[in-house]
Amino acid sequence: MGERVRRKGTSGTTSSRMGRPPFADREAIVAAALEIGLAELTMTAVAKRLGTSHSTLYGYFRSRDELAAAAVDYAVDAIEWPEPEQDWRAFLAATAWAHWRLYSSHPGLAQEIITLRLTSAALVRRYNRTGVALLDYGFGGQDATLVMDMIAELVVQAFVSTAEGEPTAQPSAAPQARRRALIEPWLESYDPRLRATLVAAVAGPPEAWFERKVELFLDGVAGRGPALPPS
């Protein structure tokens, strides 16, 4: 039901009409923040999108960063994450790609993480679950922690090079475009044996280069982790 708004008519008498005040609760505010995107997120932008006041937003969130943390929690929980199976390598690869989908879907998230602007409770829970799964696979505590941290960092670094505010129809392609702009003017400075690989890396799909990084990383983990189960 909307609230009844009273106003004066041209004759000086008061008339009434049914109005519908802007609706903004915690869920609507978080949804608006994700629609705007973390790279462009401000309290002003959210208030404008919802057609409400700043004071309404601050009734739910004390700051822009608190709102961003809540938005990231929602985004993390919305991603389909892998469950541990018999093969630890397959589990870690699937975890890396789940992180990729998260950062690809939400431009600006990598910058939020790398600059320590926020801590997402949902992301912390996800890191912990990955670490506990590694312990259950037979990794030692130190190696489980290192692998958990490094696989998350691997994905963050794939996205953090995106220029702030750089528009792109395909979010995952933005870091690749940024690297291309940085590397191409200097290609002649690289040894020819490296140049062809660099050209392929910056010219091809970003997912292909990321897949190679994940495979190399997992090869390194295999040298310290438990043996894979027999096929």
Protein backbone atom coordinates (compact mmCIF):
# COMPACT_ATOMS: atom_id res chain seq x y z
CA MET A 1 0.00 0.00 0.00
CA GLY A 2 1.32 3.42 -0.84
CA GLU A 3 1.14 6.33 1.53
CA ARG A 4 -1.48 9.07 1.11
CA VAL A 5 0.11 12.30 -0.03
CA ARG A 6 -1.78 15.53 0.69
CA ARG A 7 -1.22 18.60 -1.45
CA LYS A 8 -2.91 21.92 -2.05
CA GLY A 9 -4.99 22.34 -5.16
CA THR A 10 -5.19 25.52 -7.21
CA SER A 11 -8.24 26.65 -5.23
CA GLY A 12 -6.33 26.60 -1.98
CA THR A 13 -8.07 23.53 -0.65
CA THR A 14 -6.21 20.33 0.04
CA SER A 15 -6.65 17.29 -2.10
CA SER A 16 -5.18 13.84 -1.78
CA ARG A 17 -3.81 11.18 -4.10
CA MET A 18 -2.24 7.79 -3.66
CA GLY A 19 1.50 7.90 -4.03
CA ARG A 20 4.10 5.14 -3.90
CA PRO A 21 7.19 6.07 -1.92
CA PRO A 22 10.56 4.78 -3.07
CA PHE A 23 11.19 1.28 -1.73
CA ALA A 24 14.58 0.52 -0.26
CA ASP A 25 15.40 -2.22 2.21
CA ARG A 26 18.71 -4.01 2.79
CA GLU A 27 18.14 -6.51 -0.03
CA ALA A 28 17.16 -3.81 -2.53
CA ILE A 29 20.19 -1.70 -1.60
CA VAL A 30 22.59 -4.61 -2.07
CA ALA A 31 20.97 -5.51 -5.39
CA ALA A 32 21.35 -1.92 -6.58
CA ALA A 33 25.01 -1.90 -5.52
CA LEU A 34 25.71 -5.02 -7.61
CA GLU A 35 23.83 -3.57 -10.60
CA ILE A 36 25.96 -0.42 -10.43
CA GLY A 37 29.15 -2.46 -10.01
CA LEU A 38 31.88 -2.16 -7.43
CA ALA A 39 34.09 -0.09 -9.73
CA GLU A 40 31.45 2.67 -9.82
CA LEU A 41 29.86 2.12 -6.41
CA THR A 42 29.04 5.17 -4.29
CA MET A 43 26.24 5.84 -1.85
CA THR A 44 25.08 8.65 -4.13
CA ALA A 45 24.82 6.29 -7.11
CA VAL A 46 22.79 3.77 -5.09
CA ALA A 47 20.46 6.45 -3.71
CA LYS A 48 19.90 7.79 -7.22
CA ARG A 49 19.18 4.33 -8.65
CA LEU A 50 16.65 3.56 -5.93
CA GLY A 51 15.16 7.03 -5.89
CA THR A 52 15.70 7.34 -2.15
CA SER A 53 17.72 9.46 0.25
CA HIS A 54 21.21 8.99 1.63
CA SER A 55 19.78 8.79 5.13
CA THR A 56 17.79 5.70 4.12
CA LEU A 57 20.97 3.97 2.96
CA TYR A 58 22.89 4.92 6.08
CA GLY A 59 20.12 3.38 8.14
CA TYR A 60 21.31 0.02 6.81
CA PHE A 61 25.00 0.61 6.05
CA ARG A 62 27.36 2.93 7.86
CA SER A 63 29.62 3.49 4.86
CA ARG A 64 30.16 2.75 1.20
CA ASP A 65 32.72 0.05 2.09
CA GLU A 66 30.29 -1.69 4.45
CA LEU A 67 27.75 -1.79 1.64
CA ALA A 68 30.41 -3.11 -0.76
CA ALA A 69 31.28 -5.90 1.69
CA ALA A 70 27.63 -6.92 1.90
CA ALA A 71 27.37 -6.87 -1.90
CA VAL A 72 30.44 -9.09 -2.21
CA ASP A 73 29.00 -11.52 0.36
CA TYR A 74 25.86 -11.80 -1.76
CA ALA A 75 27.89 -12.27 -4.96
CA VAL A 76 30.10 -14.97 -3.41
CA ASP A 77 27.12 -16.93 -2.14
CA ALA A 78 25.48 -16.73 -5.57
CA ILE A 79 28.42 -18.46 -7.31
CA GLU A 80 28.29 -22.24 -7.77
CA TRP A 81 31.32 -23.55 -5.90
CA PRO A 82 32.75 -27.06 -6.31
CA GLU A 83 32.47 -29.72 -3.65
CA PRO A 84 35.58 -31.73 -2.73
CA GLU A 85 35.82 -35.00 -4.62
CA GLN A 86 38.40 -37.75 -4.78
CA ASP A 87 40.81 -35.81 -7.01
CA TRP A 88 42.32 -32.79 -5.23
CA ARG A 89 43.71 -31.41 -8.50
CA ALA A 90 40.29 -31.34 -10.15
CA PHE A 91 38.84 -29.70 -7.04
CA LEU A 92 41.47 -26.94 -7.05
CA ALA A 93 41.05 -26.32 -10.79
CA ALA A 94 37.29 -26.03 -10.35
CA THR A 95 37.81 -23.69 -7.38
CA ALA A 96 40.08 -21.46 -9.47
CA TRP A 97 37.44 -21.23 -12.19
CA ALA A 98 34.72 -20.46 -9.65
CA HIS A 99 36.84 -17.52 -8.47
CA TRP A 100 37.28 -16.51 -12.11
CA ARG A 101 33.50 -16.42 -12.61
CA LEU A 102 33.12 -14.33 -9.47
CA TYR A 103 35.64 -11.66 -10.53
CA SER A 104 34.52 -11.75 -14.15
CA SER A 105 30.91 -11.13 -13.12
CA HIS A 106 31.80 -8.21 -10.85
CA PRO A 107 34.30 -5.74 -12.32
CA GLY A 108 36.07 -3.78 -9.61
CA LEU A 109 36.02 -6.63 -7.09
CA ALA A 110 39.71 -7.39 -7.62
CA GLN A 111 40.62 -3.79 -6.84
CA GLU A 112 38.51 -3.89 -3.69
CA ILE A 113 40.37 -6.99 -2.49
CA ILE A 114 43.89 -5.95 -3.48
CA THR A 115 43.60 -2.52 -1.85
CA LEU A 116 42.13 -4.04 1.34
CA ARG A 117 39.07 -1.81 1.13
CA LEU A 118 36.86 -4.60 2.40
CA THR A 119 36.77 -8.01 4.00
CA SER A 120 34.01 -10.30 2.80
CA ALA A 121 32.80 -12.74 5.42
CA ALA A 122 31.50 -15.03 2.67
CA LEU A 123 34.84 -14.95 0.86
CA VAL A 124 36.67 -15.75 4.10
CA ARG A 125 34.35 -18.71 4.64
CA ARG A 126 35.06 -19.87 1.10
CA TYR A 127 38.84 -19.65 1.60
CA ASN A 128 38.49 -21.63 4.82
CA ARG A 129 36.46 -24.36 3.12
CA THR A 130 39.12 -24.68 0.45
CA GLY A 131 41.83 -24.94 3.11
CA VAL A 132 39.90 -27.54 5.13
CA ALA A 133 39.33 -29.59 1.95
CA LEU A 134 43.09 -29.55 1.33
CA LEU A 135 43.71 -30.77 4.87
CA ASP A 136 41.25 -33.58 4.27
CA TYR A 137 43.11 -34.48 1.07
CA GLY A 138 46.25 -34.95 3.15
CA PHE A 139 48.05 -31.62 2.73
CA GLY A 140 49.92 -30.30 5.74
CA GLY A 141 48.62 -27.17 7.46
CA GLN A 142 51.27 -24.86 6.02
CA ASP A 143 50.95 -26.14 2.46
CA ALA A 144 47.14 -26.09 2.65
CA THR A 145 47.26 -22.45 3.74
CA LEU A 146 49.76 -21.50 1.03
CA VAL A 147 47.78 -23.21 -1.73
CA MET A 148 44.51 -21.70 -0.50
CA ASP A 149 46.05 -18.23 -0.51
CA MET A 150 47.94 -18.56 -3.79
CA ILE A 151 45.04 -19.86 -5.86
CA ALA A 152 42.89 -16.92 -4.74
CA GLU A 153 45.75 -14.51 -5.44
CA LEU A 154 46.29 -16.01 -8.88
CA VAL A 155 42.75 -15.03 -9.88
CA VAL A 156 42.85 -11.58 -8.28
CA GLN A 157 46.03 -10.73 -10.18
CA ALA A 158 44.38 -11.77 -13.44
CA PHE A 159 41.80 -9.01 -12.96
CA VAL A 160 43.56 -6.31 -10.98
CA SER A 161 45.33 -4.86 -14.01
CA THR A 162 42.05 -3.60 -15.45
CA ALA A 163 42.11 0.17 -15.81
CA GLU A 164 39.56 1.72 -13.46
CA GLY A 165 36.42 2.69 -15.29
CA GLU A 166 37.52 1.02 -18.53
CA PRO A 167 34.34 -0.02 -20.36
CA THR A 168 34.07 -3.48 -21.87
CA ALA A 169 31.25 -5.67 -23.06
CA GLN A 170 33.10 -8.73 -21.75
CA PRO A 171 34.44 -8.09 -18.22
CA SER A 172 36.95 -10.96 -18.33
CA ALA A 173 38.55 -9.42 -21.44
CA ALA A 174 39.36 -6.11 -19.74
CA PRO A 175 42.58 -7.28 -18.01
CA GLN A 176 43.72 -8.81 -21.30
CA ALA A 177 43.14 -5.54 -23.12
CA ARG A 178 45.07 -3.70 -20.45
CA ARG A 179 48.03 -6.09 -20.68
CA ARG A 180 47.99 -5.82 -24.48
CA ALA A 181 48.24 -2.04 -24.26
CA LEU A 182 51.18 -2.33 -21.86
CA ILE A 183 53.12 -5.12 -23.57
CA GLU A 184 52.71 -4.53 -27.30
CA PRO A 185 54.89 -1.37 -27.48
CA TRP A 186 57.71 -3.33 -25.82
CA LEU A 187 57.52 -6.64 -27.66
CA GLU A 188 60.70 -5.97 -29.65
CA SER A 189 62.58 -5.67 -26.35
CA TYR A 190 61.88 -9.32 -25.51
CA ASP A 191 63.98 -12.25 -26.64
CA PRO A 192 62.45 -13.77 -29.82
CA ARG A 193 62.04 -17.09 -28.00
CA LEU A 194 59.71 -15.36 -25.54
CA ARG A 195 58.01 -13.00 -27.96
CA ALA A 196 55.80 -15.52 -29.73
CA THR A 197 54.36 -16.75 -26.43
CA LEU A 198 53.76 -13.21 -25.23
CA VAL A 199 51.96 -12.33 -28.46
CA ALA A 200 49.75 -15.39 -28.11
CA ALA A 201 49.07 -14.54 -24.46
CA VAL A 202 47.87 -11.00 -25.12
CA ALA A 203 46.09 -11.77 -28.40
CA GLY A 204 44.19 -14.90 -27.37
CA PRO A 205 41.23 -15.33 -25.02
CA PRO A 206 42.11 -14.41 -21.43
CA GLU A 207 40.64 -17.71 -20.24
CA ALA A 208 43.21 -19.65 -22.29
CA TRP A 209 46.17 -17.92 -20.64
CA PHE A 210 44.60 -18.28 -17.21
CA GLU A 211 44.12 -22.00 -17.81
CA ARG A 212 47.84 -22.35 -18.55
CA LYS A 213 48.67 -20.51 -15.34
CA VAL A 214 46.40 -22.77 -13.32
CA GLU A 215 47.92 -25.90 -14.86
CA LEU A 216 51.47 -24.70 -14.12
CA PHE A 217 50.46 -23.82 -10.57
CA LEU A 218 48.89 -27.24 -10.01
CA ASP A 219 51.96 -28.94 -11.42
CA GLY A 220 53.95 -27.18 -8.71
CA VAL A 221 51.46 -28.15 -6.03
CA ALA A 222 51.68 -31.77 -7.15
CA GLY A 223 55.35 -31.80 -6.20
CA ARG A 224 54.47 -31.09 -2.56
CA GLY A 225 50.94 -32.41 -2.17
CA PRO A 226 49.62 -35.90 -1.53
CA ALA A 227 49.59 -38.43 -4.35
CA LEU A 228 46.60 -38.34 -6.65
CA PRO A 229 44.22 -41.28 -6.24
CA PRO A 230 44.67 -44.12 -8.75
CA SER A 231 42.57 -43.73 -11.89
